[in-house]
């Protein structure tokens, strides 16, 4: 039953049991191939587990999806993955795409997305992945150049 699997995966993510959550999420992704929510959860769990190749593979799938309107956030996630891998150039490129898409969304749909605020709020995961606060500040400055 997909409802049971969804609840189990959600609880495991809340408990930060990412490896165990992935088992349920893979089943859900198999059962519902076009469900972006499951793909983003897999991507997030993979990032927390430092399974960067898996995170990037799902990130690419999500970005290629034509029915996902908040794809701008996926550029932020891609930036985090590349940054954690030490790929500063790719991280900066992804972060700049994130910022551009967020600003475009603000103009086009009259939304209130603050890319600087979101980057700084999401930097907790970067710290958990071992990126120093000074490197995070430097990247933030580079994004805004």
Protein backbone atom coordinates (compact mmCIF):
# COMPACT_ATOMS: atom_id res chain seq x y z
CA UNK A 1 0.00 0.00 0.00
CA UNK A 2 1.52 3.30 -1.06
CA UNK A 3 -0.11 5.21 1.82
CA UNK A 4 1.69 3.03 4.36
CA UNK A 5 4.99 3.41 2.51
CA UNK A 6 4.56 7.20 2.31
CA UNK A 7 3.86 7.52 6.04
CA UNK A 8 6.78 5.23 6.91
CA UNK A 9 9.18 7.19 4.69
CA UNK A 10 7.99 10.52 6.11
CA UNK A 11 8.47 9.36 9.70
CA UNK A 12 11.92 7.97 8.93
CA UNK A 13 12.97 11.25 7.30
CA UNK A 14 11.73 13.19 10.34
CA UNK A 15 13.80 10.84 12.51
CA UNK A 16 16.78 11.48 10.20
CA UNK A 17 16.91 7.76 9.35
CA UNK A 18 17.72 8.55 5.74
CA UNK A 19 19.11 5.15 4.74
CA UNK A 20 15.99 3.38 5.93
CA UNK A 21 13.74 6.05 4.38
CA UNK A 22 15.41 5.46 1.01
CA UNK A 23 14.20 1.85 0.99
CA UNK A 24 10.59 3.01 1.16
CA UNK A 25 11.14 5.92 -1.21
CA UNK A 26 12.65 3.68 -3.90
CA UNK A 27 9.57 1.46 -3.72
CA UNK A 28 7.29 4.49 -3.97
CA UNK A 29 9.29 5.88 -6.87
CA UNK A 30 8.99 2.54 -8.65
CA UNK A 31 5.23 2.43 -8.04
CA UNK A 32 4.62 6.05 -9.05
CA UNK A 33 7.28 6.95 -11.62
CA UNK A 34 6.09 10.52 -12.21
CA UNK A 35 5.77 11.58 -8.58
CA UNK A 36 8.19 14.49 -8.11
CA UNK A 37 7.69 14.52 -4.34
CA UNK A 38 9.22 11.06 -3.96
CA UNK A 39 12.10 12.01 -6.24
CA UNK A 40 12.88 15.15 -4.23
CA UNK A 41 12.78 13.13 -1.01
CA UNK A 42 15.23 10.59 -2.48
CA UNK A 43 17.45 13.45 -3.60
CA UNK A 44 17.39 15.02 -0.13
CA UNK A 45 18.09 11.73 1.67
CA UNK A 46 20.97 11.03 -0.72
CA UNK A 47 22.45 14.46 0.01
CA UNK A 48 22.28 13.86 3.77
CA UNK A 49 23.92 10.46 3.29
CA UNK A 50 26.64 11.95 1.07
CA UNK A 51 25.49 9.80 -1.83
CA UNK A 52 26.18 12.65 -4.19
CA UNK A 53 25.94 10.71 -7.46
CA UNK A 54 22.48 9.49 -6.49
CA UNK A 55 21.43 13.00 -5.48
CA UNK A 56 22.62 14.44 -8.79
CA UNK A 57 20.93 11.67 -10.79
CA UNK A 58 17.57 12.42 -9.17
CA UNK A 59 18.21 16.16 -9.40
CA UNK A 60 18.69 15.83 -13.16
CA UNK A 61 15.49 13.80 -13.48
CA UNK A 62 13.54 16.44 -11.57
CA UNK A 63 14.99 19.31 -13.60
CA UNK A 64 14.07 17.51 -16.82
CA UNK A 65 10.49 17.08 -15.67
CA UNK A 66 8.16 19.41 -17.48
CA UNK A 67 5.46 19.43 -14.81
CA UNK A 68 7.44 20.71 -11.83
CA UNK A 69 6.86 24.44 -11.37
CA UNK A 70 9.24 24.99 -8.44
CA UNK A 71 12.26 23.63 -10.25
CA UNK A 72 14.28 26.67 -9.13
CA UNK A 73 14.80 24.99 -5.76
CA UNK A 74 16.44 22.06 -7.56
CA UNK A 75 19.23 24.36 -8.69
CA UNK A 76 19.82 25.20 -5.01
CA UNK A 77 20.02 21.50 -4.19
CA UNK A 78 22.37 20.86 -7.12
CA UNK A 79 24.54 23.70 -5.84
CA UNK A 80 24.66 22.11 -2.40
CA UNK A 81 25.64 18.73 -3.85
CA UNK A 82 28.43 20.22 -5.97
CA UNK A 83 29.62 22.41 -3.09
CA UNK A 84 29.79 19.37 -0.78
CA UNK A 85 31.75 17.51 -3.46
CA UNK A 86 34.24 20.39 -3.63
CA UNK A 87 33.16 21.39 -7.15
CA UNK A 88 33.03 25.14 -6.56
CA UNK A 89 32.63 26.05 -10.24
CA UNK A 90 29.62 23.74 -10.73
CA UNK A 91 28.17 24.81 -7.38
CA UNK A 92 28.42 28.49 -8.29
CA UNK A 93 26.84 27.84 -11.69
CA UNK A 94 23.92 25.98 -10.07
CA UNK A 95 23.46 28.65 -7.40
CA UNK A 96 23.40 31.40 -10.04
CA UNK A 97 20.74 29.46 -11.98
CA UNK A 98 18.80 29.08 -8.74
CA UNK A 99 18.92 32.81 -8.09
CA UNK A 100 18.00 33.72 -11.68
CA UNK A 101 15.06 31.29 -11.76
CA UNK A 102 13.81 32.49 -8.36
CA UNK A 103 13.96 36.12 -9.46
CA UNK A 104 12.20 35.26 -12.73
CA UNK A 105 9.48 33.46 -10.78
CA UNK A 106 9.03 36.54 -8.61
CA UNK A 107 8.49 38.74 -11.67
CA UNK A 108 6.42 36.30 -13.71
CA UNK A 109 4.11 34.97 -11.02
CA UNK A 110 4.30 37.78 -8.47
CA UNK A 111 5.74 35.44 -5.85
CA UNK A 112 7.91 36.36 -2.92
CA UNK A 113 10.94 34.07 -3.16
CA UNK A 114 14.02 35.52 -1.47
CA UNK A 115 16.99 33.58 -2.92
CA UNK A 116 19.50 35.06 -0.47
CA UNK A 117 17.37 34.16 2.54
CA UNK A 118 16.67 30.66 1.24
CA UNK A 119 20.36 30.06 0.57
CA UNK A 120 21.32 31.13 4.08
CA UNK A 121 18.51 29.13 5.70
CA UNK A 122 19.50 26.04 3.75
CA UNK A 123 23.16 26.41 4.69
CA UNK A 124 22.55 24.19 7.75
CA UNK A 125 22.91 21.14 5.51
CA UNK A 126 26.17 22.54 4.16
CA UNK A 127 27.55 22.83 7.68
CA UNK A 128 26.42 19.26 8.39
CA UNK A 129 28.33 18.17 5.29
CA UNK A 130 31.50 19.77 6.65
CA UNK A 131 31.59 23.04 4.74
CA UNK A 132 32.98 25.83 6.86
CA UNK A 133 30.90 28.93 7.64
CA UNK A 134 33.58 31.08 5.99
CA UNK A 135 33.31 29.07 2.75
CA UNK A 136 29.52 29.38 2.89
CA UNK A 137 29.80 33.16 3.27
CA UNK A 138 32.33 33.31 0.43
CA UNK A 139 30.03 31.31 -1.86
CA UNK A 140 27.11 33.54 -0.90
CA UNK A 141 29.17 36.60 -1.85
CA UNK A 142 30.20 35.00 -5.15
CA UNK A 143 26.57 34.25 -6.02
CA UNK A 144 25.73 37.92 -5.61
CA UNK A 145 28.54 39.27 -7.77
